Amino acid sequence: MGKPTGFMEITRQTSRELEPEERIKNFNEFHIPLHRDEQQTQGARCMDCGVPFCQSGTMLGGMASGCPLNNLIPEWNDLVYRGQWDLAVRRLIATNRYPEFTSRVCPALCEAACTCGMTTGFPVTVKENERAVVEYGYTNGVIHAVPPPSRTGKRVAVVGTGPSGLSVADLLNKRGHKVTMYERSDRVGGLLMYGIPNMKLEKWVIDRRVDILRQEGIDFVTGTDVGRDISAEELTEQYDAVVLCCGAKQPRDIAAPGRDAEGIYFAVDYLTSVTKSLLDSGFADGKAISAQGKKVLVIGGGDTGNDCVGTAIRQGCTGVTQLEMMPCPPEQRAPGNDWPEWPRVLKTDYGQQEAVAVFGSDPRLYQTTVKEFLKNDAGQVCGARIARLESKLVDGRRAMVPTGEEFTVECDLVLIAAGFTGCEKYVAEAFGVDMTPRGTVADAKYAASKPKVFVCGDMRRGQSLVVWALREGRDTAAVVDEYLMGYTNL
């Protein structure tokens, strides 16, 4: 697997990023990949480690260590190193049908569990090797439409075209079932299309894959809201199986006085409006929620909050503050967070990097939350009263509680990126799907209590990663196939 001494001889090298001052001028991807020869050299760093934790997907410390898809990482790294790119493509897509997505937006659980990272501190560039492999596949025709040779006569409806929906639809279609996908938005992609900004995932990447799925026989019905525009009864009558892949799109709100002020939006609505306006008209239609000339307050320190920071800066905000309830993570692994667990360390993402470059400081304020939104006489938000927090034991459990210290920040645009509480209930109710209090499906085995109905992805497990959505789609496809045929070969 790779070159046994490669990690000792070859320095880790990654793609070049455009400088923040340059990349904030547009909404384009800003990574410049290595030349293929350079990427091939990086493949040699995948050492003969014996136990490849990178592909294990084992749950450690409450999070997966290694790839949840169990990608055959050492195998295709070795093929990259040897220049056998066609074979590398085939080994990659054997477990991951959509590596063009994961190689752009996945946090690389594989690299966090890389043995080379444990021994040298510099893991193999698995994510960028993956991107090089899949892009080679498209450029050289290795990845192309392959319609199923025959049809089973079974019809399946997939509701939702996000990563889990695309995953389950692709595999069921390849099995020979006739698949129709329903999407309430005007474009296919769900979370990938409107939940992830263009600079992280340019939308032609999605369209390229969807074109292949169409050629392979999958039908797409957009602008149709299942549960409202078409009933659950209609779908269950028309199809042999229905798979719900509606995501966890119910945003968590902030219950604070002044919440009714104008200028306060959920992050998902903000990001969707920006991407849709960009794609529809290059922002000429004026329909995007705009941060131009505004002081922005982002509530939430996760990936979505970071996306809001980067988007607001590109729109020309005059300042940005980002609140995070939890303490600032350490720069190095703390005791008890040992390899190969996911490293709970400080991460400065692209949005924060850009804020430092434009405004001179990291926008994050740790151990803080909003106590009250302030509004002017016109009812527009103009500031927020912020409470400091500290970690204390409450009823035997660790919790963040107010210290009593408060301060005020000025803002005229507030973006709530506090996560999601589960799926939107109207779809679950329409199909009679029982939900737990935390917004996940009560039956954890993909099949809902109602005959013919299956549930997949974030709708089933709660807010998660794209790579987990793809894994959910793969597992659900096998369950649906067995239901339809009495056995499965997926």
Protein backbone atom coordinates (compact mmCIF):
# COMPACT_ATOMS: atom_id res chain seq x y z
CA MET A 1 0.00 0.00 0.00
CA GLY A 2 1.77 3.11 -1.22
CA LYS A 3 5.49 3.35 -0.58
CA PRO A 4 6.44 1.90 2.84
CA THR A 5 8.93 4.70 3.48
CA GLY A 6 7.05 7.39 1.58
CA PHE A 7 5.80 9.21 4.67
CA MET A 8 9.42 9.60 5.85
CA GLU A 9 10.74 10.85 2.52
CA ILE A 10 7.91 12.97 1.14
CA THR A 11 6.48 16.13 2.73
CA ARG A 12 2.72 16.55 2.92
CA GLN A 13 1.64 18.96 0.20
CA THR A 14 -1.88 20.28 -0.31
CA SER A 15 -3.66 22.45 -2.85
CA ARG A 16 -2.98 26.17 -2.82
CA GLU A 17 -5.67 28.50 -1.53
CA LEU A 18 -6.20 31.93 -3.02
CA GLU A 19 -5.43 34.63 -0.50
CA PRO A 20 -8.49 35.83 1.46
CA GLU A 21 -8.35 39.33 -0.03
CA GLU A 22 -8.54 37.81 -3.51
CA ARG A 23 -11.10 35.04 -3.04
CA ILE A 24 -13.72 37.22 -1.30
CA LYS A 25 -14.20 39.09 -4.59
CA ASN A 26 -16.45 36.30 -5.88
CA PHE A 27 -18.29 33.13 -4.90
CA ASN A 28 -16.03 30.71 -6.79
CA GLU A 29 -14.15 27.76 -5.31
CA PHE A 30 -10.74 29.00 -4.22
CA HIS A 31 -8.55 25.88 -4.02
CA ILE A 32 -6.03 25.32 -6.80
CA PRO A 33 -5.36 21.55 -7.00
CA LEU A 34 -1.90 20.07 -7.31
CA HIS A 35 -0.67 18.88 -10.67
CA ARG A 36 -1.43 15.19 -11.23
CA ASP A 37 2.24 14.24 -10.85
CA GLU A 38 2.38 16.04 -7.50
CA GLN A 39 -0.81 14.32 -6.35
CA GLN A 40 0.65 10.98 -7.43
CA THR A 41 3.64 11.64 -5.19
CA GLN A 42 1.28 12.34 -2.29
CA GLY A 43 -0.26 8.90 -2.80
CA ALA A 44 3.14 7.41 -1.95
CA ARG A 45 2.83 8.76 1.62
CA CYS A 46 0.11 6.20 2.42
CA MET A 47 2.31 3.91 4.52
CA ASP A 48 2.03 0.15 4.97
CA CYS A 49 0.42 0.69 8.38
CA GLY A 50 -1.13 -2.76 8.76
CA VAL A 51 -4.33 -1.51 10.41
CA PRO A 52 -5.85 1.26 8.23
CA PHE A 53 -7.94 3.20 10.73
CA CYS A 54 -8.66 5.68 7.91
CA GLN A 55 -11.32 3.38 6.47
CA SER A 56 -12.66 1.87 9.69
CA GLY A 57 -15.62 4.17 10.43
CA THR A 58 -15.56 3.02 14.06
CA MET A 59 -17.44 5.07 16.65
CA LEU A 60 -15.00 6.43 19.23
CA GLY A 61 -15.71 9.20 21.70
CA GLY A 62 -19.15 9.79 20.20
CA MET A 63 -17.91 10.38 16.65
CA ALA A 64 -16.73 8.20 13.78
CA SER A 65 -13.02 7.52 13.57
CA GLY A 66 -12.25 7.00 9.91
CA CYS A 67 -14.55 6.95 6.90
CA PRO A 68 -18.21 5.98 7.52
CA LEU A 69 -18.33 4.70 3.92
CA ASN A 70 -15.39 2.36 4.61
CA ASN A 71 -13.67 3.67 1.51
CA LEU A 72 -10.79 1.48 0.36
CA ILE A 73 -8.36 4.32 0.99
CA PRO A 74 -5.01 2.45 1.09
CA GLU A 75 -5.94 0.60 -2.10
CA TRP A 76 -6.68 3.64 -4.23
CA ASN A 77 -3.83 5.63 -2.68
CA ASP A 78 -1.51 2.85 -3.82
CA LEU A 79 -3.03 2.98 -7.32
CA VAL A 80 -2.57 6.76 -7.39
CA TYR A 81 1.08 6.32 -6.38
CA ARG A 82 1.57 3.78 -9.17
CA GLY A 83 -0.18 5.96 -11.75
CA GLN A 84 -3.02 3.49 -12.28
CA TRP A 85 -5.67 6.17 -12.26
CA ASP A 86 -8.41 4.23 -14.06
CA LEU A 87 -8.25 1.48 -11.46
CA ALA A 88 -8.13 4.06 -8.68
CA VAL A 89 -11.42 5.50 -9.94
CA ARG A 90 -13.07 2.08 -9.92
CA ARG A 91 -11.87 1.27 -6.39
CA LEU A 92 -13.06 4.66 -5.15
CA ILE A 93 -16.58 4.46 -6.58
CA ALA A 94 -16.95 0.88 -5.35
CA THR A 95 -17.80 2.32 -1.93
CA ASN A 96 -18.46 6.03 -2.62
CA ARG A 97 -20.80 6.87 -5.47
CA TYR A 98 -20.32 10.63 -5.02
CA PRO A 99 -16.66 11.38 -4.26
CA GLU A 100 -16.91 14.73 -6.06
CA PHE A 101 -19.06 15.87 -3.10
CA THR A 102 -17.15 14.35 -0.19
CA SER A 103 -13.78 15.49 -1.56
CA ARG A 104 -15.05 19.07 -1.37
CA VAL A 105 -17.22 19.27 1.76
CA CYS A 106 -16.33 16.34 4.03
CA PRO A 107 -14.30 17.24 7.16
CA ALA A 108 -12.02 14.28 6.32
CA LEU A 109 -12.60 11.89 9.20
CA CYS A 110 -10.21 9.61 7.32
CA GLU A 111 -7.29 12.01 7.72
CA ALA A 112 -7.97 12.49 11.43
CA ALA A 113 -7.59 8.70 11.86
CA CYS A 114 -4.57 8.34 9.54
CA THR A 115 -1.71 6.40 11.15
CA CYS A 116 0.74 8.70 9.41
CA GLY A 117 -0.87 11.63 11.19
CA MET A 118 -0.41 9.88 14.53
CA THR A 119 3.26 9.18 13.95
CA THR A 120 4.36 12.32 12.11
CA GLY A 121 1.58 14.86 12.70
CA PHE A 122 1.06 15.14 8.94
CA PRO A 123 -1.62 12.70 7.66
CA VAL A 124 -1.89 11.54 4.08
CA THR A 125 -3.79 13.98 1.85
CA VAL A 126 -6.68 11.53 1.49
CA LYS A 127 -9.32 14.16 0.70
CA GLU A 128 -7.31 15.81 -2.06
CA ASN A 129 -6.20 12.46 -3.47
CA GLU A 130 -9.88 11.54 -3.64
CA ARG A 131 -10.72 14.73 -5.50
CA ALA A 132 -7.89 14.12 -7.96
CA VAL A 133 -9.15 10.58 -8.60
CA VAL A 134 -12.78 11.55 -9.24
CA GLU A 135 -11.86 14.52 -11.45
CA TYR A 136 -9.57 12.25 -13.46
CA GLY A 137 -12.53 9.90 -13.81
CA TYR A 138 -14.74 12.59 -15.31
CA THR A 139 -12.05 14.14 -17.51
CA ASN A 140 -11.00 10.80 -18.98
CA GLY A 141 -14.42 9.20 -19.38
CA VAL A 142 -14.01 6.59 -16.66
CA ILE A 143 -17.08 8.02 -14.93
CA HIS A 144 -20.01 8.07 -17.35
CA ALA A 145 -23.63 7.00 -17.62
CA VAL A 146 -24.20 3.24 -17.31
CA PRO A 147 -27.95 2.53 -17.54
CA PRO A 148 -29.10 -0.73 -15.96
CA PRO A 149 -29.19 -3.60 -18.50
CA SER A 150 -32.73 -4.59 -17.45
CA ARG A 151 -35.64 -3.43 -15.31
CA THR A 152 -37.34 -5.25 -12.46
CA GLY A 153 -40.77 -3.71 -13.01
CA LYS A 154 -40.72 -2.14 -9.56
CA ARG A 155 -41.25 1.62 -9.11
CA VAL A 156 -39.74 3.67 -6.29
CA ALA A 157 -40.37 7.29 -5.27
CA VAL A 158 -37.56 9.11 -3.46
CA VAL A 159 -38.66 12.30 -1.71
CA GLY A 160 -35.77 14.74 -1.42
CA THR A 161 -32.75 15.09 -3.70
CA GLY A 162 -30.05 15.80 -1.12
CA PRO A 163 -27.06 13.49 -0.63
CA SER A 164 -29.00 10.64 1.01
CA GLY A 165 -31.72 10.79 -1.65
CA LEU A 166 -29.23 10.81 -4.51
CA SER A 167 -27.38 7.91 -2.90
CA VAL A 168 -30.38 5.64 -2.43
CA ALA A 169 -31.82 6.55 -5.85
CA ASP A 170 -28.58 5.78 -7.68
CA LEU A 171 -28.24 2.30 -6.18
CA LEU A 172 -31.90 1.34 -6.58
CA ASN A 173 -31.79 2.50 -10.19
CA LYS A 174 -28.66 0.44 -10.88
CA ARG A 175 -30.50 -2.55 -9.42
CA GLY A 176 -33.11 -2.09 -12.13
CA HIS A 177 -35.94 -0.42 -10.23
CA LYS A 178 -37.55 2.61 -11.89
CA VAL A 179 -36.83 5.61 -9.64
CA THR A 180 -38.54 9.00 -9.59
CA MET A 181 -37.14 11.72 -7.34
CA TYR A 182 -39.29 14.55 -5.96
CA GLU A 183 -37.80 17.90 -4.96
CA ARG A 184 -39.74 20.88 -3.61
CA SER A 185 -37.08 23.38 -4.71
CA ASP A 186 -36.51 24.48 -8.28
CA ARG A 187 -33.16 22.68 -8.53
CA VAL A 188 -31.94 19.19 -7.69
CA GLY A 189 -29.45 18.78 -4.85
CA GLY A 190 -31.16 19.66 -1.58
CA LEU A 191 -28.53 20.49 1.05
CA LEU A 192 -25.79 20.31 -1.58
CA MET A 193 -27.46 22.87 -3.81
CA TYR A 194 -28.78 25.49 -1.38
CA GLY A 195 -27.34 24.61 2.02
CA ILE A 196 -23.65 24.74 1.07
CA PRO A 197 -22.26 27.99 -0.40
CA ASN A 198 -20.92 28.05 -3.93
CA MET A 199 -17.33 28.71 -2.85
CA LYS A 200 -17.32 25.34 -1.05
CA LEU A 201 -19.21 23.42 -3.73
CA GLU A 202 -19.76 24.97 -7.14
CA LYS A 203 -23.15 23.88 -8.46
CA TRP A 204 -21.92 22.62 -11.82
CA VAL A 205 -20.43 19.75 -9.83
CA ILE A 206 -23.96 18.71 -8.81
CA ASP A 207 -25.43 19.31 -12.27
CA ARG A 208 -22.73 17.15 -13.86
CA ARG A 209 -23.69 14.18 -11.70
CA VAL A 210 -27.44 14.75 -12.08
CA ASP A 211 -27.05 14.71 -15.88
CA ILE A 212 -25.53 11.23 -15.57
CA LEU A 213 -28.36 10.05 -13.31
CA ARG A 214 -30.90 11.29 -15.87
CA GLN A 215 -29.08 9.43 -18.64
CA GLU A 216 -29.20 6.31 -16.48
CA GLY A 217 -32.98 6.52 -16.27
CA ILE A 218 -33.81 8.41 -13.05
CA ASP A 219 -36.66 10.92 -13.39
CA PHE A 220 -36.63 14.20 -11.46
CA VAL A 221 -39.74 16.17 -10.52
CA THR A 222 -38.81 19.60 -9.13
CA GLY A 223 -41.00 22.31 -7.67
CA THR A 224 -43.25 19.70 -6.07
CA ASP A 225 -43.73 19.67 -2.31
CA VAL A 226 -44.71 16.16 -1.25
CA GLY A 227 -47.24 16.28 1.56
CA ARG A 228 -48.72 19.49 0.16
CA ASP A 229 -48.66 19.53 -3.66
CA ILE A 230 -49.00 15.76 -3.83
CA SER A 231 -50.36 13.60 -1.05
CA ALA A 232 -48.73 10.68 0.71
CA GLU A 233 -51.64 8.51 -0.39
CA GLU A 234 -51.02 9.30 -4.06
CA LEU A 235 -47.38 8.32 -3.81
CA THR A 236 -47.96 5.09 -1.91
CA GLU A 237 -50.62 4.10 -4.45
CA GLN A 238 -48.46 4.88 -7.49
CA TYR A 239 -45.19 3.32 -6.27
CA ASP A 240 -44.06 0.01 -4.84
CA ALA A 241 -41.91 1.82 -2.27
CA VAL A 242 -41.44 5.38 -1.05
CA VAL A 243 -38.17 6.57 0.52
CA LEU A 244 -38.28 9.79 2.51
CA CYS A 245 -35.00 11.72 2.40
CA CYS A 246 -36.27 15.11 3.52
CA GLY A 247 -33.35 16.10 5.71
CA ALA A 248 -33.29 17.77 9.13
CA LYS A 249 -34.38 21.21 7.97
CA GLN A 250 -36.19 22.51 11.04
CA PRO A 251 -33.82 25.23 12.35
CA ARG A 252 -33.26 25.72 16.06
CA ASP A 253 -34.55 29.15 17.09
CA ILE A 254 -33.34 31.61 19.72
CA ALA A 255 -35.99 32.32 22.34
CA ALA A 256 -34.95 35.78 23.46
CA PRO A 257 -36.84 39.07 23.86
CA GLY A 258 -36.81 41.09 20.65
CA ARG A 259 -36.75 37.99 18.41
CA ASP A 260 -39.55 39.55 16.34
CA ALA A 261 -37.29 42.37 15.14
CA GLU A 262 -36.78 42.77 11.40
CA GLY A 263 -33.39 41.71 10.10
CA ILE A 264 -33.16 38.38 11.96
CA TYR A 265 -32.98 35.30 9.72
CA PHE A 266 -32.24 31.63 9.99
CA ALA A 267 -28.89 30.80 8.40
CA VAL A 268 -30.45 28.25 6.05
CA ASP A 269 -32.82 30.92 4.63
CA TYR A 270 -29.98 33.41 4.26
CA LEU A 271 -27.64 30.98 2.50
CA THR A 272 -30.42 29.69 0.26
CA SER A 273 -31.40 33.18 -0.84
CA VAL A 274 -27.82 34.06 -1.70
CA THR A 275 -27.11 30.91 -3.72
CA LYS A 276 -30.44 31.05 -5.54
CA SER A 277 -29.97 34.70 -6.52
CA LEU A 278 -26.41 33.93 -7.65
CA LEU A 279 -27.55 31.04 -9.84
CA ASP A 280 -30.68 32.74 -11.17
CA SER A 281 -29.24 36.10 -12.12
CA GLY A 282 -25.75 36.68 -10.76
CA PHE A 283 -27.45 38.74 -8.00
CA ALA A 284 -29.13 41.05 -10.54
CA ASP A 285 -32.61 40.16 -9.28
CA GLY A 286 -31.91 41.67 -5.86
CA LYS A 287 -33.63 38.76 -4.09
CA ALA A 288 -30.71 37.71 -1.89
CA ILE A 289 -30.79 38.66 1.77
CA SER A 290 -27.92 41.14 1.75
CA ALA A 291 -25.23 41.92 4.30
CA GLN A 292 -23.80 44.76 2.23
CA GLY A 293 -22.94 47.73 4.44
CA LYS A 294 -24.24 45.99 7.56
CA LYS A 295 -22.83 44.88 10.88
CA VAL A 296 -23.56 41.16 11.05
CA LEU A 297 -24.09 38.97 14.10
CA VAL A 298 -23.84 35.22 13.48
CA ILE A 299 -25.18 32.99 16.25
CA GLY A 300 -23.44 29.62 16.09
CA GLY A 301 -19.80 28.62 15.79
CA GLY A 302 -20.14 25.56 13.55
CA ASP A 303 -19.70 25.02 9.83
CA THR A 304 -22.96 26.79 8.95
CA GLY A 305 -21.99 29.79 11.05
CA ASN A 306 -18.64 29.91 9.27
CA ASP A 307 -20.43 29.77 5.91
CA CYS A 308 -22.50 32.76 6.99
CA VAL A 309 -19.34 34.67 7.92
CA GLY A 310 -17.71 33.96 4.56
CA THR A 311 -20.88 34.83 2.65
CA ALA A 312 -21.46 38.10 4.53
CA ILE A 313 -17.89 39.20 3.86
CA ARG A 314 -18.31 38.52 0.14
CA GLN A 315 -21.45 40.64 0.17
CA GLY A 316 -19.55 43.56 1.69
CA CYS A 317 -20.53 43.63 5.35
CA THR A 318 -18.83 46.28 7.49
CA GLY A 319 -18.22 43.94 10.42
CA VAL A 320 -19.03 40.45 11.64
CA THR A 321 -19.26 38.87 15.09
CA GLN A 322 -19.76 35.15 15.63
CA LEU A 323 -21.08 33.74 18.92
CA GLU A 324 -20.11 30.30 20.20
CA MET A 325 -21.61 28.88 23.41
CA MET A 326 -18.80 26.45 24.14
CA PRO A 327 -15.26 27.26 25.35
CA CYS A 328 -12.49 27.76 22.82
CA PRO A 329 -11.02 24.33 22.00
CA PRO A 330 -7.32 23.69 22.67
CA GLU A 331 -4.81 23.98 19.83
CA GLN A 332 -3.54 20.45 20.53
CA ARG A 333 -5.35 17.26 21.56
CA ALA A 334 -6.26 17.32 25.24
CA PRO A 335 -5.75 14.31 27.52
CA GLY A 336 -8.55 11.83 26.90
CA ASN A 337 -8.88 12.86 23.25
CA ASP A 338 -6.20 10.57 21.90
CA TRP A 339 -5.68 9.32 18.35
CA PRO A 340 -7.57 7.83 16.50
CA GLU A 341 -10.52 9.75 18.00
CA TRP A 342 -11.67 12.82 16.11
CA PRO A 343 -9.41 15.67 17.34
CA ARG A 344 -11.45 18.18 19.30
CA VAL A 345 -9.05 21.05 18.63
CA LEU A 346 -9.30 24.64 17.47
CA LYS A 347 -10.21 24.93 13.80
CA THR A 348 -10.00 28.23 11.95
CA ASP A 349 -12.05 27.82 8.78
CA TYR A 350 -12.11 29.88 5.60
CA GLY A 351 -14.71 32.37 6.85
CA GLN A 352 -12.78 33.16 10.01
CA GLN A 353 -9.56 33.46 7.99
CA GLU A 354 -11.26 36.00 5.76
CA ALA A 355 -12.60 37.94 8.75
CA VAL A 356 -9.07 38.17 10.14
CA ALA A 357 -7.79 39.44 6.77
CA VAL A 358 -10.57 42.01 6.32
CA PHE A 359 -11.31 43.17 9.87
CA GLY A 360 -8.10 42.27 11.68
CA SER A 361 -9.39 39.74 14.21
CA ASP A 362 -11.10 36.39 14.57
CA PRO A 363 -14.87 37.03 14.72
CA ARG A 364 -15.62 34.32 17.31
CA LEU A 365 -16.63 35.14 20.85
CA TYR A 366 -16.57 31.95 22.92
CA GLN A 367 -18.82 31.13 25.87
CA THR A 368 -21.47 33.63 24.83
CA THR A 369 -25.16 33.65 23.95
CA VAL A 370 -27.83 36.21 23.12
CA LYS A 371 -29.91 37.40 26.08
CA GLU A 372 -31.92 40.00 24.19
CA PHE A 373 -32.25 41.43 20.68
CA LEU A 374 -32.44 45.23 20.55
CA LYS A 375 -34.55 47.03 17.96
CA ASN A 376 -35.02 50.64 16.90
CA ASP A 377 -38.25 52.60 16.56
CA ALA A 378 -38.83 51.09 13.11
CA GLY A 379 -38.72 47.58 14.54
CA GLN A 380 -35.36 46.79 12.91
CA VAL A 381 -32.72 44.93 14.89
CA CYS A 382 -29.94 47.30 15.90
CA GLY A 383 -28.03 45.33 18.49
CA ALA A 384 -27.96 42.41 20.90
CA ARG A 385 -27.31 42.03 24.60
CA ILE A 386 -24.80 39.21 25.05
CA ALA A 387 -24.38 37.07 28.16
CA ARG A 388 -21.08 35.45 29.14
CA LEU A 389 -21.26 31.74 29.97
CA GLU A 390 -19.25 29.31 32.07
CA SER A 391 -19.18 25.55 32.40
CA LYS A 392 -20.69 24.21 35.63
CA LEU A 393 -22.16 21.01 36.99
CA VAL A 394 -25.95 21.25 37.06
CA ASP A 395 -27.83 18.26 38.53
CA GLY A 396 -24.74 16.16 37.99
CA ARG A 397 -24.32 17.16 34.35
CA ARG A 398 -21.97 19.67 32.76
CA ALA A 399 -23.78 22.70 31.34
CA MET A 400 -23.06 26.25 30.13
CA VAL A 401 -24.68 28.78 32.49
CA PRO A 402 -24.59 32.61 32.61
CA THR A 403 -21.84 34.23 34.67
CA GLY A 404 -23.83 37.43 35.18
CA GLU A 405 -21.49 39.44 32.94
CA GLU A 406 -23.20 41.06 29.95
CA PHE A 407 -22.27 43.39 27.12
CA THR A 408 -23.87 44.82 23.97
CA VAL A 409 -22.89 44.49 20.33
CA GLU A 410 -24.20 46.59 17.45
CA CYS A 411 -25.75 44.73 14.53
CA ASP A 412 -28.34 45.29 11.84
CA LEU A 413 -28.37 41.76 10.43
CA VAL A 414 -28.61 38.64 12.61
CA LEU A 415 -28.12 35.12 11.25
CA ILE A 416 -29.15 32.20 13.46
CA ALA A 417 -26.91 29.20 12.78
CA ALA A 418 -27.72 27.23 15.92
CA GLY A 419 -28.25 23.88 14.23
CA PHE A 420 -31.41 21.92 13.44
CA THR A 421 -33.96 20.13 15.58
CA GLY A 422 -35.04 17.50 13.03
CA CYS A 423 -37.20 17.17 9.94
CA GLU A 424 -40.11 19.43 9.13
CA LYS A 425 -43.05 17.67 10.72
CA TYR A 426 -45.60 17.95 7.91
CA VAL A 427 -43.84 15.34 5.77
CA ALA A 428 -43.50 12.87 8.63
CA GLU A 429 -47.11 13.41 9.64
CA ALA A 430 -48.34 12.96 6.07
CA PHE A 431 -46.74 9.51 5.88
CA GLY A 432 -47.49 8.51 9.45
CA VAL A 433 -43.84 8.40 10.46
CA ASP A 434 -43.33 8.36 14.22
CA MET A 435 -40.69 10.82 15.43
CA THR A 436 -38.72 10.94 18.67
CA PRO A 437 -38.60 14.15 20.76
CA ARG A 438 -35.23 15.05 19.21
CA GLY A 439 -36.70 14.97 15.71
CA THR A 440 -35.35 11.63 14.50
CA VAL A 441 -37.32 8.60 13.32
CA ALA A 442 -38.46 6.30 16.10
CA ASP A 443 -37.74 3.15 14.04
CA ALA A 444 -33.98 3.09 13.54
CA LYS A 445 -33.96 0.40 10.83
CA TYR A 446 -34.88 2.58 7.82
CA ALA A 447 -38.42 1.13 7.46
CA ALA A 448 -41.22 3.30 8.83
CA SER A 449 -44.25 1.79 10.56
CA LYS A 450 -46.41 2.43 7.50
CA PRO A 451 -46.10 -0.22 4.74
CA LYS A 452 -43.99 0.71 1.69
CA VAL A 453 -42.44 3.72 3.46
CA PHE A 454 -38.74 4.01 4.33
CA VAL A 455 -36.77 6.86 5.91
CA CYS A 456 -33.17 7.77 5.19
CA GLY A 457 -30.44 10.31 5.95
CA ASP A 458 -30.69 13.27 8.31
CA MET A 459 -34.46 12.79 8.51
CA ARG A 460 -33.80 9.46 10.19
CA ARG A 461 -30.66 10.13 12.24
CA GLY A 462 -30.74 13.90 12.76
CA GLN A 463 -28.37 16.62 11.57
CA SER A 464 -25.14 15.03 10.35
CA LEU A 465 -22.44 15.00 7.68
CA VAL A 466 -22.77 14.50 3.92
CA VAL A 467 -20.66 11.34 4.19
CA TRP A 468 -23.14 9.88 6.69
CA ALA A 469 -26.01 10.75 4.35
CA LEU A 470 -24.29 8.79 1.58
CA ARG A 471 -23.81 5.84 3.92
CA GLU A 472 -27.47 6.03 4.94
CA GLY A 473 -28.48 5.95 1.28
CA ARG A 474 -26.36 2.88 0.63
CA ASP A 475 -27.76 0.98 3.60
CA THR A 476 -31.34 2.01 2.92
CA ALA A 477 -31.12 0.96 -0.73
CA ALA A 478 -30.27 -2.59 0.37
CA VAL A 479 -33.25 -2.66 2.77
CA VAL A 480 -35.66 -1.37 0.10
CA ASP A 481 -34.29 -3.77 -2.49
CA GLU A 482 -34.82 -6.73 -0.18
CA TYR A 483 -38.36 -5.53 0.54
CA LEU A 484 -39.11 -5.34 -3.19
CA MET A 485 -37.35 -8.50 -4.37
CA GLY A 486 -37.12 -10.76 -1.34
CA TYR A 487 -33.31 -10.58 -1.44
CA THR A 488 -30.67 -7.98 -2.28
CA ASN A 489 -27.37 -7.89 -4.11
CA LEU A 490 -26.61 -4.27 -3.21
